[in-house]
Amino acid sequence: MRRLFILSLLVACLATVDGSTLQQLSLSDMILKSTLIVRGTPQLNYSQFRGSIIYTHYTVEVSQVYKGLVRTRQVDFAVPGGISTGMRQVFSGIPGIVNGKDYVFFLWTSKTGLTQIIGLSQGLFMVSKDTTGHMIVQRPAATETMLNAAGQPVADSDLQMNLGDLINKIYVVLRGGGQ
């Protein structure tokens, strides 16, 4: 009984942790550090424990690949948090992902093989049309504590640009320019 109480207390503490500190990543940083950059529409797939962390897994129906190799037209990735076996974990800094919306994903795959969005919310850009009908990408500023490369606190800002400009930036950075 005591073990169950301690385990329940530990799970409750983990499930309510909501502080995140993000390293600020420039667009060039995200391009270089990503193992895969794709445009597509996600669908929630499932949630499950991986060690002590619940991850929610999505499958992206890929419409364009800007960096990396995609063997099929689908890519799977995971974000920390979710509900599994009746338990819920919530983490701050996790992007809100809407099934079926159009996004550009900056993804990286860890040494353990888990693919995630780079920089949490920093690496997810929603694709839409502006008032003139041009395709744009945008992401809101992260609200979590953010540090620059020197470890100093910095404020994040909204990012919005034409989709074509983003694609050009990706190719320029990958060719070795545009730092």
Protein backbone atom coordinates (compact mmCIF):
# COMPACT_ATOMS: atom_id res chain seq x y z
CA MET A 1 0.00 0.00 0.00
CA ARG A 2 2.84 2.37 0.86
CA ARG A 3 4.50 1.72 -2.52
CA LEU A 4 1.27 2.53 -4.32
CA PHE A 5 0.93 5.78 -2.38
CA ILE A 6 4.53 6.82 -3.17
CA LEU A 7 4.13 5.88 -6.84
CA SER A 8 0.85 7.84 -7.04
CA LEU A 9 2.48 10.86 -5.41
CA LEU A 10 5.42 10.71 -7.83
CA VAL A 11 3.12 10.44 -10.84
CA ALA A 12 1.02 13.37 -9.59
CA CYS A 13 4.14 15.50 -9.24
CA LEU A 14 5.40 14.58 -12.70
CA ALA A 15 2.00 15.15 -14.26
CA THR A 16 1.78 18.72 -13.00
CA VAL A 17 5.30 19.91 -13.88
CA ASP A 18 4.76 22.89 -16.17
CA GLY A 19 8.06 24.76 -16.26
CA SER A 20 10.20 24.63 -19.37
CA THR A 21 13.28 26.54 -20.37
CA LEU A 22 13.95 26.70 -24.09
CA GLN A 23 17.17 27.46 -25.88
CA GLN A 24 16.46 30.17 -28.43
CA LEU A 25 17.01 28.83 -31.92
CA SER A 26 17.35 31.06 -34.96
CA LEU A 27 15.75 29.94 -38.20
CA SER A 28 19.23 29.05 -39.49
CA ASP A 29 19.89 26.99 -36.32
CA MET A 30 16.68 25.05 -36.84
CA ILE A 31 17.46 24.44 -40.50
CA LEU A 32 20.95 23.13 -39.74
CA LYS A 33 20.03 21.08 -36.66
CA SER A 34 16.89 19.47 -38.12
CA THR A 35 17.25 16.03 -39.60
CA LEU A 36 14.05 16.51 -41.60
CA ILE A 37 12.03 19.53 -42.72
CA VAL A 38 8.66 18.75 -44.30
CA ARG A 39 5.35 20.33 -45.10
CA GLY A 40 2.23 18.32 -44.43
CA THR A 41 -0.89 17.65 -42.42
CA PRO A 42 -0.75 15.78 -39.10
CA GLN A 43 -3.13 13.25 -37.62
CA LEU A 44 -3.07 12.19 -33.97
CA ASN A 45 -2.07 8.58 -33.85
CA TYR A 46 -1.68 7.39 -30.24
CA SER A 47 -0.09 8.16 -26.85
CA GLN A 48 2.17 5.86 -24.88
CA PHE A 49 4.84 5.77 -22.22
CA ARG A 50 8.47 5.80 -23.26
CA GLY A 51 10.30 5.31 -19.98
CA SER A 52 8.58 7.60 -17.48
CA ILE A 53 7.37 10.12 -20.09
CA ILE A 54 4.14 9.90 -22.07
CA TYR A 55 4.57 10.89 -25.71
CA THR A 56 1.75 11.69 -28.11
CA HIS A 57 2.55 10.35 -31.57
CA TYR A 58 1.41 11.93 -34.82
CA THR A 59 1.63 10.85 -38.43
CA VAL A 60 2.21 13.58 -41.01
CA GLU A 61 0.95 13.16 -44.55
CA VAL A 62 3.91 14.77 -46.32
CA SER A 63 3.22 17.09 -49.26
CA GLN A 64 6.76 18.54 -49.63
CA VAL A 65 10.24 17.67 -48.35
CA TYR A 66 12.73 20.52 -47.88
CA LYS A 67 15.48 18.61 -46.05
CA GLY A 68 16.17 14.94 -45.49
CA LEU A 69 14.94 11.71 -47.00
CA VAL A 70 11.38 10.44 -46.77
CA ARG A 71 10.92 6.84 -47.90
CA THR A 72 7.13 7.02 -47.70
CA ARG A 73 4.74 9.96 -47.87
CA GLN A 74 4.21 9.67 -44.12
CA VAL A 75 6.44 10.71 -41.25
CA ASP A 76 5.87 9.89 -37.60
CA PHE A 77 6.91 12.19 -34.75
CA ALA A 78 6.16 12.57 -31.06
CA VAL A 79 5.63 15.39 -28.57
CA PRO A 80 6.03 15.01 -24.80
CA GLY A 81 2.79 14.78 -22.88
CA GLY A 82 -0.56 13.15 -23.35
CA ILE A 83 -2.82 10.53 -21.82
CA SER A 84 -1.89 6.87 -21.56
CA THR A 85 -3.20 4.07 -19.34
CA GLY A 86 -5.43 6.54 -17.53
CA MET A 87 -2.56 8.88 -16.66
CA ARG A 88 -2.04 12.40 -17.99
CA GLN A 89 1.20 14.38 -18.36
CA VAL A 90 1.36 18.02 -19.43
CA PHE A 91 4.51 19.92 -20.44
CA SER A 92 4.82 23.61 -21.20
CA GLY A 93 6.42 24.65 -24.48
CA ILE A 94 4.61 21.96 -26.42
CA PRO A 95 3.04 23.28 -29.62
CA GLY A 96 -0.69 23.04 -30.19
CA ILE A 97 -1.12 20.74 -33.18
CA VAL A 98 -4.45 20.61 -34.99
CA ASN A 99 -5.30 17.48 -36.98
CA GLY A 100 -5.54 18.14 -40.70
CA LYS A 101 -4.01 21.66 -40.62
CA ASP A 102 -1.17 22.52 -42.99
CA TYR A 103 2.23 22.95 -41.28
CA VAL A 104 5.96 23.09 -41.94
CA PHE A 105 7.70 20.81 -39.43
CA PHE A 106 11.34 21.16 -38.40
CA LEU A 107 12.03 17.68 -37.03
CA TRP A 108 15.03 15.99 -35.46
CA THR A 109 15.61 12.38 -34.57
CA SER A 110 17.39 11.56 -31.32
CA LYS A 111 20.00 8.85 -30.84
CA THR A 112 17.22 6.65 -29.44
CA GLY A 113 15.27 6.99 -32.70
CA LEU A 114 12.49 9.25 -31.40
CA THR A 115 11.59 12.00 -33.89
CA GLN A 116 10.38 15.28 -32.37
CA ILE A 117 9.78 18.91 -33.33
CA ILE A 118 13.00 20.85 -32.83
CA GLY A 119 12.86 23.47 -30.10
CA LEU A 120 9.35 22.36 -29.11
CA SER A 121 7.02 25.12 -30.34
CA GLN A 122 9.86 26.90 -32.19
CA GLY A 123 9.96 24.27 -34.94
CA LEU A 124 6.29 24.24 -35.97
CA PHE A 125 4.96 26.74 -38.53
CA MET A 126 1.33 26.89 -39.58
CA VAL A 127 0.77 27.45 -43.30
CA SER A 128 -2.10 29.70 -44.40
CA LYS A 129 -3.00 32.45 -46.86
CA ASP A 130 -2.67 36.12 -46.00
CA THR A 131 -5.27 38.74 -46.95
CA THR A 132 -3.77 39.04 -50.45
CA GLY A 133 -3.89 35.29 -51.07
CA HIS A 134 -0.15 34.65 -50.66
CA MET A 135 0.94 31.54 -48.77
CA ILE A 136 2.58 32.40 -45.45
CA VAL A 137 4.04 30.52 -42.50
CA GLN A 138 3.70 31.71 -38.95
CA ARG A 139 4.32 30.68 -35.38
CA PRO A 140 3.48 32.55 -32.20
CA ALA A 141 6.19 33.58 -29.75
CA ALA A 142 7.01 30.99 -27.13
CA THR A 143 5.75 31.99 -23.69
CA GLU A 144 8.21 29.80 -21.78
CA THR A 145 11.51 31.03 -20.38
CA MET A 146 13.99 31.26 -23.22
CA LEU A 147 17.77 31.57 -23.07
CA ASN A 148 20.21 32.59 -25.81
CA ALA A 149 23.41 30.64 -26.55
CA ALA A 150 25.22 32.54 -23.76
CA GLY A 151 22.59 31.49 -21.21
CA GLN A 152 21.03 34.94 -20.93
CA PRO A 153 17.22 35.30 -20.76
CA VAL A 154 15.69 36.59 -23.98
CA ALA A 155 12.17 37.23 -25.22
CA ASP A 156 10.86 35.30 -28.17
CA SER A 157 8.82 36.99 -30.87
CA ASP A 158 6.16 35.97 -33.37
CA LEU A 159 7.54 34.83 -36.69
CA GLN A 160 5.69 35.27 -39.97
CA MET A 161 7.00 35.16 -43.52
CA ASN A 162 6.05 34.13 -47.02
CA LEU A 163 6.25 30.38 -47.57
CA GLY A 164 8.46 30.97 -50.62
CA ASP A 165 10.88 33.03 -48.53
CA LEU A 166 11.09 30.24 -45.95
CA ILE A 167 11.81 27.66 -48.66
CA ASN A 168 14.49 29.91 -50.17
CA LYS A 169 16.05 30.43 -46.71
CA ILE A 170 16.18 26.66 -46.16
CA TYR A 171 17.99 26.07 -49.45
CA VAL A 172 20.41 29.00 -48.94
CA VAL A 173 21.35 27.82 -45.44
CA LEU A 174 21.76 24.21 -46.59
CA ARG A 175 24.10 25.39 -49.37
CA GLY A 176 26.27 27.02 -46.74
CA GLY A 177 25.05 30.61 -46.78
CA GLY A 178 22.54 32.68 -44.91
CA GLN A 179 23.85 32.36 -41.37
